[in-house]
PDB file of N, CA and C in Angstrom:
ATOM      1  N   MET A   1      19.663   1.500  17.317  1.00  0.00           N
ATOM      2  CA  MET A   1      18.944   2.167  16.531  1.00  0.00           C
ATOM      3  C   MET A   1      19.084   1.403  15.147  1.00  0.00           C
ATOM      4  N   VAL A   2      17.674   0.758  14.748  1.00  0.00           N
ATOM      5  CA  VAL A   2      18.175   0.278  13.216  1.00  0.00           C
ATOM      6  C   VAL A   2      17.034   1.511  12.129  1.00  0.00           C
ATOM      7  N   MET A   3      17.853   1.743  11.136  1.00  0.00           N
ATOM      8  CA  MET A   3      17.378   2.497  10.337  1.00  0.00           C
ATOM      9  C   MET A   3      17.291   1.805   8.670  1.00  0.00           C
ATOM     10  N   PHE A   4      16.228   1.977   7.904  1.00  0.00           N
ATOM     11  CA  PHE A   4      16.244   1.463   6.502  1.00  0.00           C
ATOM     12  C   PHE A   4      16.954   0.021   6.486  1.00  0.00           C
ATOM     13  N   GLU A   5      16.167  -0.939   7.206  1.00  0.00           N
ATOM     14  CA  GLU A   5      17.008  -2.273   7.115  1.00  0.00           C
ATOM     15  C   GLU A   5      16.312  -3.100   5.954  1.00  0.00           C
ATOM     16  N   THR A   6      17.422  -3.867   5.688  1.00  0.00           N
ATOM     17  CA  THR A   6      17.005  -4.744   4.423  1.00  0.00           C
ATOM     18  C   THR A   6      18.059  -5.827   4.243  1.00  0.00           C
ATOM     19  N   VAL A   7      17.922  -6.785   3.510  1.00  0.00           N
ATOM     20  CA  VAL A   7      18.984  -7.919   3.607  1.00  0.00           C
ATOM     21  C   VAL A   7      20.181  -7.460   2.544  1.00  0.00           C
ATOM     22  N   VAL A   8      21.184  -8.107   2.488  1.00  0.00           N
ATOM     23  CA  VAL A   8      22.250  -7.701   1.859  1.00  0.00           C
ATOM     24  C   VAL A   8      22.062  -8.094   0.411  1.00  0.00           C
ATOM     25  N   GLY A   9      22.204  -7.135  -0.531  1.00  0.00           N
ATOM     26  CA  GLY A   9      21.868  -7.275  -1.910  1.00  0.00           C
ATOM     27  C   GLY A   9      20.516  -6.740  -2.594  1.00  0.00           C
ATOM     28  N   HIS A  10      19.907  -6.055  -1.118  1.00  0.00           N
ATOM     29  CA  HIS A  10      18.317  -5.677  -1.455  1.00  0.00           C
ATOM     30  C   HIS A  10      18.525  -4.379  -1.437  1.00  0.00           C
ATOM     31  N   SER A  11      17.741  -3.669  -1.868  1.00  0.00           N
ATOM     32  CA  SER A  11      17.669  -1.988  -1.600  1.00  0.00           C
ATOM     33  C   SER A  11      16.351  -1.895  -0.906  1.00  0.00           C
ATOM     34  N   PHE A  12      16.496  -0.577   0.133  1.00  0.00           N
ATOM     35  CA  PHE A  12      15.178  -0.268   0.560  1.00  0.00           C
ATOM     36  C   PHE A  12      14.616   1.067   0.115  1.00  0.00           C
ATOM     37  N   LYS A  13      13.285   0.883  -0.160  1.00  0.00           N
ATOM     38  CA  LYS A  13      12.404   1.981  -0.725  1.00  0.00           C
ATOM     39  C   LYS A  13      11.359   2.573   0.072  1.00  0.00           C
ATOM     40  N   CYS A  14      11.611   3.774   0.474  1.00  0.00           N
ATOM     41  CA  CYS A  14      10.344   4.259   1.119  1.00  0.00           C
ATOM     42  C   CYS A  14       9.664   5.505   0.183  1.00  0.00           C
ATOM     43  N   VAL A  15       8.297   5.688   0.326  1.00  0.00           N
ATOM     44  CA  VAL A  15       7.835   7.004  -0.642  1.00  0.00           C
ATOM     45  C   VAL A  15       7.287   7.762   0.367  1.00  0.00           C
ATOM     46  N   SER A  16       6.905   6.990   1.586  1.00  0.00           N
ATOM     47  CA  SER A  16       6.071   8.233   2.450  1.00  0.00           C
ATOM     48  C   SER A  16       7.236   8.744   3.286  1.00  0.00           C
ATOM     49  N   GLU A  17       6.507   9.611   3.840  1.00  0.00           N
ATOM     50  CA  GLU A  17       7.745  10.804   4.700  1.00  0.00           C
ATOM     51  C   GLU A  17       8.256   9.698   6.142  1.00  0.00           C
ATOM     52  N   GLN A  18       9.196   9.655   6.427  1.00  0.00           N
ATOM     53  CA  GLN A  18       9.808   9.127   7.634  1.00  0.00           C
ATOM     54  C   GLN A  18      10.418  10.279   8.255  1.00  0.00           C
ATOM     55  N   ARG A  19      10.390  10.554   9.796  1.00  0.00           N
ATOM     56  CA  ARG A  19      10.985  11.074  10.489  1.00  0.00           C
ATOM     57  C   ARG A  19      11.710  10.396  11.770  1.00  0.00           C
ATOM     58  N   ILE A  20      13.213  10.386  11.621  1.00  0.00           N
ATOM     59  CA  ILE A  20      14.189   9.694  12.723  1.00  0.00           C
ATOM     60  C   ILE A  20      14.769  10.795  13.569  1.00  0.00           C
ATOM     61  N   GLN A  21      14.471  10.401  14.908  1.00  0.00           N
ATOM     62  CA  GLN A  21      15.132  11.187  15.940  1.00  0.00           C
ATOM     63  C   GLN A  21      16.292  10.667  16.193  1.00  0.00           C
ATOM     64  N   LEU A  22      17.524  11.378  15.909  1.00  0.00           N
ATOM     65  CA  LEU A  22      18.748  11.093  15.881  1.00  0.00           C
ATOM     66  C   LEU A  22      19.191  11.450  17.025  1.00  0.00           C
ATOM     67  N   SER A  23      18.960  12.557  17.919  1.00  0.00           N
ATOM     68  CA  SER A  23      19.380  13.115  19.114  1.00  0.00           C
ATOM     69  C   SER A  23      18.164  13.918  19.422  1.00  0.00           C
ATOM     70  N   ALA A  24      18.250  14.695  20.966  1.00  0.00           N
ATOM     71  CA  ALA A  24      17.394  15.614  21.473  1.00  0.00           C
ATOM     72  C   ALA A  24      17.327  16.591  20.586  1.00  0.00           C
ATOM     73  N   GLN A  25      18.444  17.130  19.515  1.00  0.00           N
ATOM     74  CA  GLN A  25      17.989  18.292  18.779  1.00  0.00           C
ATOM     75  C   GLN A  25      18.262  18.192  17.464  1.00  0.00           C
ATOM     76  N   LEU A  26      18.204  16.753  17.063  1.00  0.00           N
ATOM     77  CA  LEU A  26      18.415  16.374  15.782  1.00  0.00           C
ATOM     78  C   LEU A  26      17.603  15.564  15.120  1.00  0.00           C
ATOM     79  N   GLN A  27      16.652  15.964  13.928  1.00  0.00           N
ATOM     80  CA  GLN A  27      15.884  14.882  13.389  1.00  0.00           C
ATOM     81  C   GLN A  27      16.220  14.943  11.859  1.00  0.00           C
ATOM     82  N   MET A  28      16.206  13.599  11.390  1.00  0.00           N
ATOM     83  CA  MET A  28      16.181  13.462  10.057  1.00  0.00           C
ATOM     84  C   MET A  28      14.746  13.149   9.335  1.00  0.00           C
ATOM     85  N   LYS A  29      14.530  13.680   8.426  1.00  0.00           N
ATOM     86  CA  LYS A  29      13.217  13.761   7.605  1.00  0.00           C
ATOM     87  C   LYS A  29      13.754  13.233   6.136  1.00  0.00           C
ATOM     88  N   THR A  30      13.016  11.728   5.782  1.00  0.00           N
ATOM     89  CA  THR A  30      12.862  11.374   4.433  1.00  0.00           C
ATOM     90  C   THR A  30      12.108  10.977   3.791  1.00  0.00           C
ATOM     91  N   THR A  31      11.965  11.662   2.406  1.00  0.00           N
ATOM     92  CA  THR A  31      10.892  11.216   1.686  1.00  0.00           C
ATOM     93  C   THR A  31      11.256  10.915   0.234  1.00  0.00           C
ATOM     94  N   ASN A  32      10.619   9.470  -0.191  1.00  0.00           N
ATOM     95  CA  ASN A  32      10.565   9.215  -1.576  1.00  0.00           C
ATOM     96  C   ASN A  32      12.233   8.905  -1.837  1.00  0.00           C
ATOM     97  N   ILE A  33      12.876   7.765  -0.944  1.00  0.00           N
ATOM     98  CA  ILE A  33      14.374   7.326  -1.196  1.00  0.00           C
ATOM     99  C   ILE A  33      14.430   5.971  -1.496  1.00  0.00           C
ATOM    100  N   ARG A  34      15.358   5.819  -2.035  1.00  0.00           N
ATOM    101  CA  ARG A  34      15.853   4.436  -2.156  1.00  0.00           C
ATOM    102  C   ARG A  34      17.514   4.174  -2.133  1.00  0.00           C
ATOM    103  N   LEU A  35      17.693   3.386  -1.083  1.00  0.00           N
ATOM    104  CA  LEU A  35      19.151   3.294  -0.529  1.00  0.00           C
ATOM    105  C   LEU A  35      19.328   1.698  -0.978  1.00  0.00           C
ATOM    106  N   GLN A  36      20.536   1.572  -1.110  1.00  0.00           N
ATOM    107  CA  GLN A  36      21.572   0.346  -1.147  1.00  0.00           C
ATOM    108  C   GLN A  36      22.934   0.253  -0.601  1.00  0.00           C
ATOM    109  N   ALA A  37      23.208  -0.108   0.369  1.00  0.00           N
ATOM    110  CA  ALA A  37      24.461  -0.337   0.796  1.00  0.00           C
ATOM    111  C   ALA A  37      25.469  -0.835   0.210  1.00  0.00           C
ATOM    112  N   PHE A  38      25.098  -2.244   0.031  1.00  0.00           N
ATOM    113  CA  PHE A  38      26.092  -3.384  -0.131  1.00  0.00           C
ATOM    114  C   PHE A  38      25.805  -4.257  -1.600  1.00  0.00           C
ATOM    115  N   ASP A  39      26.656  -4.921  -1.846  1.00  0.00           N
ATOM    116  CA  ASP A  39      26.396  -5.573  -3.234  1.00  0.00           C
ATOM    117  C   ASP A  39      25.699  -5.315  -4.367  1.00  0.00           C
ATOM    118  N   PHE A  40      26.092  -4.376  -4.942  1.00  0.00           N
ATOM    119  CA  PHE A  40      25.344  -3.876  -6.306  1.00  0.00           C
ATOM    120  C   PHE A  40      25.561  -4.726  -7.321  1.00  0.00           C
ATOM    121  N   GLU A  41      24.789  -4.748  -8.402  1.00  0.00           N
ATOM    122  CA  GLU A  41      25.061  -5.456  -9.717  1.00  0.00           C
ATOM    123  C   GLU A  41      25.166  -4.620 -10.844  1.00  0.00           C
ATOM    124  N   GLY A  42      26.485  -3.968 -10.853  1.00  0.00           N
ATOM    125  CA  GLY A  42      26.400  -2.920 -11.921  1.00  0.00           C
ATOM    126  C   GLY A  42      25.994  -1.812 -11.481  1.00  0.00           C
ATOM    127  N   ASP A  43      25.306  -0.961 -12.171  1.00  0.00           N
ATOM    128  CA  ASP A  43      24.585   0.290 -11.692  1.00  0.00           C
ATOM    129  C   ASP A  43      23.405   0.418 -11.153  1.00  0.00           C
ATOM    130  N   CYS A  44      22.943  -0.787 -10.751  1.00  0.00           N
ATOM    131  CA  CYS A  44      21.470  -1.166 -10.506  1.00  0.00           C
ATOM    132  C   CYS A  44      21.068  -1.374  -9.044  1.00  0.00           C
ATOM    133  N   PHE A  45      19.753  -1.088  -8.641  1.00  0.00           N
ATOM    134  CA  PHE A  45      19.852  -1.639  -7.324  1.00  0.00           C
ATOM    135  C   PHE A  45      19.079  -2.836  -7.359  1.00  0.00           C
ATOM    136  N   GLY A  46      19.224  -3.443  -6.061  1.00  0.00           N
ATOM    137  CA  GLY A  46      18.791  -4.921  -5.757  1.00  0.00           C
ATOM    138  C   GLY A  46      17.266  -4.721  -5.774  1.00  0.00           C
ATOM    139  N   ASN A  47      16.679  -6.297  -5.510  1.00  0.00           N
ATOM    140  CA  ASN A  47      15.595  -6.128  -5.014  1.00  0.00           C
ATOM    141  C   ASN A  47      14.920  -5.111  -4.061  1.00  0.00           C
ATOM    142  N   VAL A  48      13.505  -4.907  -4.421  1.00  0.00           N
ATOM    143  CA  VAL A  48      13.040  -3.521  -3.161  1.00  0.00           C
ATOM    144  C   VAL A  48      12.594  -4.347  -1.862  1.00  0.00           C
ATOM    145  N   ASP A  49      12.914  -3.930  -0.756  1.00  0.00           N
ATOM    146  CA  ASP A  49      12.213  -4.121   0.497  1.00  0.00           C
ATOM    147  C   ASP A  49      11.242  -2.739   0.528  1.00  0.00           C
ATOM    148  N   GLU A  50      10.519  -2.792   0.857  1.00  0.00           N
ATOM    149  CA  GLU A  50       9.667  -1.485   0.916  1.00  0.00           C
ATOM    150  C   GLU A  50       9.236  -1.250   2.611  1.00  0.00           C
ATOM    151  N   CYS A  51       9.286   0.087   2.941  1.00  0.00           N
ATOM    152  CA  CYS A  51       9.100   0.334   4.216  1.00  0.00           C
ATOM    153  C   CYS A  51       7.432   0.296   4.714  1.00  0.00           C
ATOM    154  N   LEU A  52       7.317   0.081   6.053  1.00  0.00           N
ATOM    155  CA  LEU A  52       5.961  -0.493   6.446  1.00  0.00           C
ATOM    156  C   LEU A  52       4.898   0.920   6.181  1.00  0.00           C
ATOM    157  N   SER A  53       5.562   2.116   6.382  1.00  0.00           N
ATOM    158  CA  SER A  53       4.446   3.218   6.524  1.00  0.00           C
ATOM    159  C   SER A  53       3.974   3.406   5.111  1.00  0.00           C
ATOM    160  N   ASP A  54       4.523   2.836   3.758  1.00  0.00           N
ATOM    161  CA  ASP A  54       4.134   2.922   2.527  1.00  0.00           C
ATOM    162  C   ASP A  54       2.786   1.868   2.466  1.00  0.00           C
ATOM    163  N   TYR A  55       3.029   0.814   3.190  1.00  0.00           N
ATOM    164  CA  TYR A  55       1.664   0.008   3.242  1.00  0.00           C
ATOM    165  C   TYR A  55       0.717   0.333   3.985  1.00  0.00           C
ATOM    166  N   THR A  56       0.647   1.475   5.302  1.00  0.00           N
ATOM    167  CA  THR A  56      -0.173   1.728   5.605  1.00  0.00           C
ATOM    168  C   THR A  56      -1.152   2.900   4.986  1.00  0.00           C
ATOM    169  N   VAL A  57      -0.505   3.221   3.832  1.00  0.00           N
ATOM    170  CA  VAL A  57      -1.365   4.346   2.862  1.00  0.00           C
ATOM    171  C   VAL A  57      -2.057   3.285   1.665  1.00  0.00           C
ATOM    172  N   VAL A  58      -1.650   2.269   1.458  1.00  0.00           N
ATOM    173  CA  VAL A  58      -1.633   1.570   0.295  1.00  0.00           C
ATOM    174  C   VAL A  58      -3.160   0.751   0.731  1.00  0.00           C
ATOM    175  N   LEU A  59      -3.140  -0.189   2.050  1.00  0.00           N
ATOM    176  CA  LEU A  59      -4.125  -0.934   2.099  1.00  0.00           C
ATOM    177  C   LEU A  59      -5.567  -0.511   2.638  1.00  0.00           C
ATOM    178  N   PRO A  60      -5.548   0.776   3.568  1.00  0.00           N
ATOM    179  CA  PRO A  60      -6.606   1.368   3.545  1.00  0.00           C
ATOM    180  C   PRO A  60      -7.738   1.886   2.249  1.00  0.00           C
ATOM    181  N   VAL A  61      -6.702   2.366   0.982  1.00  0.00           N
ATOM    182  CA  VAL A  61      -7.317   2.494   0.001  1.00  0.00           C
ATOM    183  C   VAL A  61      -7.994   1.373  -0.568  1.00  0.00           C
ATOM    184  N   VAL A  62      -7.097   0.384  -0.784  1.00  0.00           N
ATOM    185  CA  VAL A  62      -7.567  -0.800  -1.466  1.00  0.00           C
ATOM    186  C   VAL A  62      -8.576  -1.628  -0.737  1.00  0.00           C
ATOM    187  N   GLY A  63      -8.575  -1.420   0.851  1.00  0.00           N
ATOM    188  CA  GLY A  63      -9.968  -1.623   1.288  1.00  0.00           C
ATOM    189  C   GLY A  63     -11.066  -1.123   1.023  1.00  0.00           C
ATOM    190  N   ALA A  64     -10.567   0.524   0.823  1.00  0.00           N
ATOM    191  CA  ALA A  64     -12.121   1.333   0.547  1.00  0.00           C
ATOM    192  C   ALA A  64     -12.489   1.164  -0.947  1.00  0.00           C
ATOM    193  N   ILE A  65     -11.811   0.523  -1.762  1.00  0.00           N
ATOM    194  CA  ILE A  65     -12.186   0.173  -3.116  1.00  0.00           C
ATOM    195  C   ILE A  65     -13.078  -1.051  -3.247  1.00  0.00           C
ATOM    196  N   VAL A  66     -12.466  -1.912  -2.223  1.00  0.00           N
ATOM    197  CA  VAL A  66     -13.302  -3.531  -2.320  1.00  0.00           C
ATOM    198  C   VAL A  66     -14.438  -3.028  -1.620  1.00  0.00           C
ATOM    199  N   VAL A  67     -14.565  -2.506  -0.754  1.00  0.00           N
ATOM    200  CA  VAL A  67     -15.971  -2.066  -0.139  1.00  0.00           C
ATOM    201  C   VAL A  67     -17.165  -1.491  -1.048  1.00  0.00           C
ATOM    202  N   VAL A  68     -16.549  -0.445  -1.675  1.00  0.00           N
ATOM    203  CA  VAL A  68     -17.600   0.341  -2.754  1.00  0.00           C
ATOM    204  C   VAL A  68     -17.593  -0.690  -3.769  1.00  0.00           C
ATOM    205  N   LEU A  69     -17.097  -1.504  -4.314  1.00  0.00           N
ATOM    206  CA  LEU A  69     -17.434  -2.427  -5.402  1.00  0.00           C
ATOM    207  C   LEU A  69     -18.460  -3.546  -4.709  1.00  0.00           C
ATOM    208  N   CYS A  70     -18.196  -3.874  -3.568  1.00  0.00           N
ATOM    209  CA  CYS A  70     -19.005  -4.821  -3.028  1.00  0.00           C
ATOM    210  C   CYS A  70     -20.703  -4.101  -2.635  1.00  0.00           C
ATOM    211  N   ILE A  71     -20.659  -3.016  -2.319  1.00  0.00           N
ATOM    212  CA  ILE A  71     -22.032  -2.419  -2.438  1.00  0.00           C
ATOM    213  C   ILE A  71     -22.340  -2.317  -3.554  1.00  0.00           C
ATOM    214  N   VAL A  72     -21.645  -1.622  -4.593  1.00  0.00           N
ATOM    215  CA  VAL A  72     -22.237  -1.477  -6.013  1.00  0.00           C
ATOM    216  C   VAL A  72     -22.606  -2.742  -6.376  1.00  0.00           C
ATOM    217  N   GLY A  73     -21.983  -4.035  -6.192  1.00  0.00           N
ATOM    218  CA  GLY A  73     -22.331  -5.376  -7.048  1.00  0.00           C
ATOM    219  C   GLY A  73     -23.601  -5.431  -5.943  1.00  0.00           C
ATOM    220  N   LEU A  74     -23.763  -5.384  -4.854  1.00  0.00           N
ATOM    221  CA  LEU A  74     -24.885  -5.693  -4.190  1.00  0.00           C
ATOM    222  C   LEU A  74     -26.308  -4.864  -4.620  1.00  0.00           C
ATOM    223  N   ALA A  75     -26.014  -3.476  -5.005  1.00  0.00           N
ATOM    224  CA  ALA A  75     -27.186  -2.622  -5.305  1.00  0.00           C
ATOM    225  C   ALA A  75     -27.646  -3.552  -6.983  1.00  0.00           C
ATOM    226  N   VAL A  76     -26.643  -3.421  -7.764  1.00  0.00           N
ATOM    227  CA  VAL A  76     -27.137  -3.922  -9.183  1.00  0.00           C
ATOM    228  C   VAL A  76     -27.934  -5.341  -8.946  1.00  0.00           C
ATOM    229  N   TYR A  77     -27.328  -6.237  -8.283  1.00  0.00           N
ATOM    230  CA  TYR A  77     -28.119  -7.399  -7.796  1.00  0.00           C
ATOM    231  C   TYR A  77     -29.702  -7.144  -7.099  1.00  0.00           C
ATOM    232  N   LYS A  78     -29.751  -6.247  -6.416  1.00  0.00           N
ATOM    233  CA  LYS A  78     -31.028  -6.005  -5.822  1.00  0.00           C
ATOM    234  C   LYS A  78     -31.916  -5.279  -6.900  1.00  0.00           C
ATOM    235  N   ILE A  79     -31.232  -4.529  -7.556  1.00  0.00           N
ATOM    236  CA  ILE A  79     -31.959  -3.935  -8.740  1.00  0.00           C
ATOM    237  C   ILE A  79     -32.597  -4.910  -9.961  1.00  0.00           C
ATOM    238  N   ARG A  80     -31.708  -5.577 -10.210  1.00  0.00           N
ATOM    239  CA  ARG A  80     -31.863  -6.736 -11.243  1.00  0.00           C
ATOM    240  C   ARG A  80     -33.196  -7.853 -10.669  1.00  0.00           C
ATOM    241  N   GLN A  81     -32.563  -8.069  -9.287  1.00  0.00           N
ATOM    242  CA  GLN A  81     -33.564  -9.074  -8.843  1.00  0.00           C
ATOM    243  C   GLN A  81     -35.136  -8.722  -8.585  1.00  0.00           C
ATOM    244  N   ARG A  82     -35.352  -7.256  -8.548  1.00  0.00           N
ATOM    245  CA  ARG A  82     -36.607  -6.561  -8.328  1.00  0.00           C
ATOM    246  C   ARG A  82     -37.198  -6.256  -9.840  1.00  0.00           C
ATOM    247  N   HIS A  83     -36.633  -6.089 -10.647  1.00  0.00           N
ATOM    248  CA  HIS A  83     -37.090  -6.069 -12.464  1.00  0.00           C
ATOM    249  C   HIS A  83     -37.393  -7.283 -12.779  1.00  0.00           C
ATOM    250  N   GLN A  84     -36.809  -8.675 -12.343  1.00  0.00           N
ATOM    251  CA  GLN A  84     -36.922  -9.820 -12.800  1.00  0.00           C
ATOM    252  C   GLN A  84     -38.426 -10.439 -12.161  1.00  0.00           C
ATOM    253  N   SER A  85     -38.480  -9.865 -11.202  1.00  0.00           N
ATOM    254  CA  SER A  85     -39.644 -10.401 -10.179  1.00  0.00           C
ATOM    255  C   SER A  85     -41.038  -9.643 -10.622  1.00  0.00           C
ATOM    256  N   LEU A  86     -40.688  -8.371 -11.368  1.00  0.00           N
ATOM    257  CA  LEU A  86     -42.161  -7.440 -11.723  1.00  0.00           C
ATOM    258  C   LEU A  86     -42.678  -8.195 -12.879  1.00  0.00           C
ATOM    259  N   GLY A  87     -42.196  -9.233 -13.779  1.00  0.00           N
ATOM    260  CA  GLY A  87     -43.113 -10.105 -14.794  1.00  0.00           C
ATOM    261  C   GLY A  87     -43.828 -10.995 -14.229  1.00  0.00           C
ATOM    262  N   TYR A  88     -43.410 -11.469 -12.830  1.00  0.00           N
ATOM    263  CA  TYR A  88     -44.358 -12.777 -12.513  1.00  0.00           C
ATOM    264  C   TYR A  88     -44.955 -12.549 -11.313  1.00  0.00           C
ATOM    265  N   GLN A  89     -45.855 -13.119 -10.863  1.00  0.00           N
ATOM    266  CA  GLN A  89     -46.722 -13.120  -9.962  1.00  0.00           C
ATOM    267  C   GLN A  89     -46.362 -14.448  -9.063  1.00  0.00           C
ATOM    268  N   ARG A  90     -46.606 -14.141  -7.790  1.00  0.00           N
ATOM    269  CA  ARG A  90     -46.450 -15.416  -7.002  1.00  0.00           C
ATOM    270  C   ARG A  90     -47.521 -16.166  -6.766  1.00  0.00           C
ATOM    271  N   ILE A  91     -47.391 -17.458  -6.238  1.00  0.00           N
ATOM    272  CA  ILE A  91     -48.504 -18.260  -6.499  1.00  0.00           C
ATOM    273  C   ILE A  91     -48.905 -18.642  -5.271  1.00  0.00           C
TER     274      ILE A  91
END
């Protein structure tokens, strides 16, 4: 079983809730953790390696924002195109 995987000198960070089944009767739940086992520089954590479950929250939100911005941009374009064409007649 591999938990909190990162390279030596880096820290592992996970904001999302993770549940790890340790045995049939024992489950470990973590939330908002940052761990580093080896190779500390003073009292500071190393470079951060984030867990994949954090990205499953961020990516859909970013995607939704991009879609909304595209829809707003398209609506503004259509409205401006309609207002510009009102002053002229087709020949």
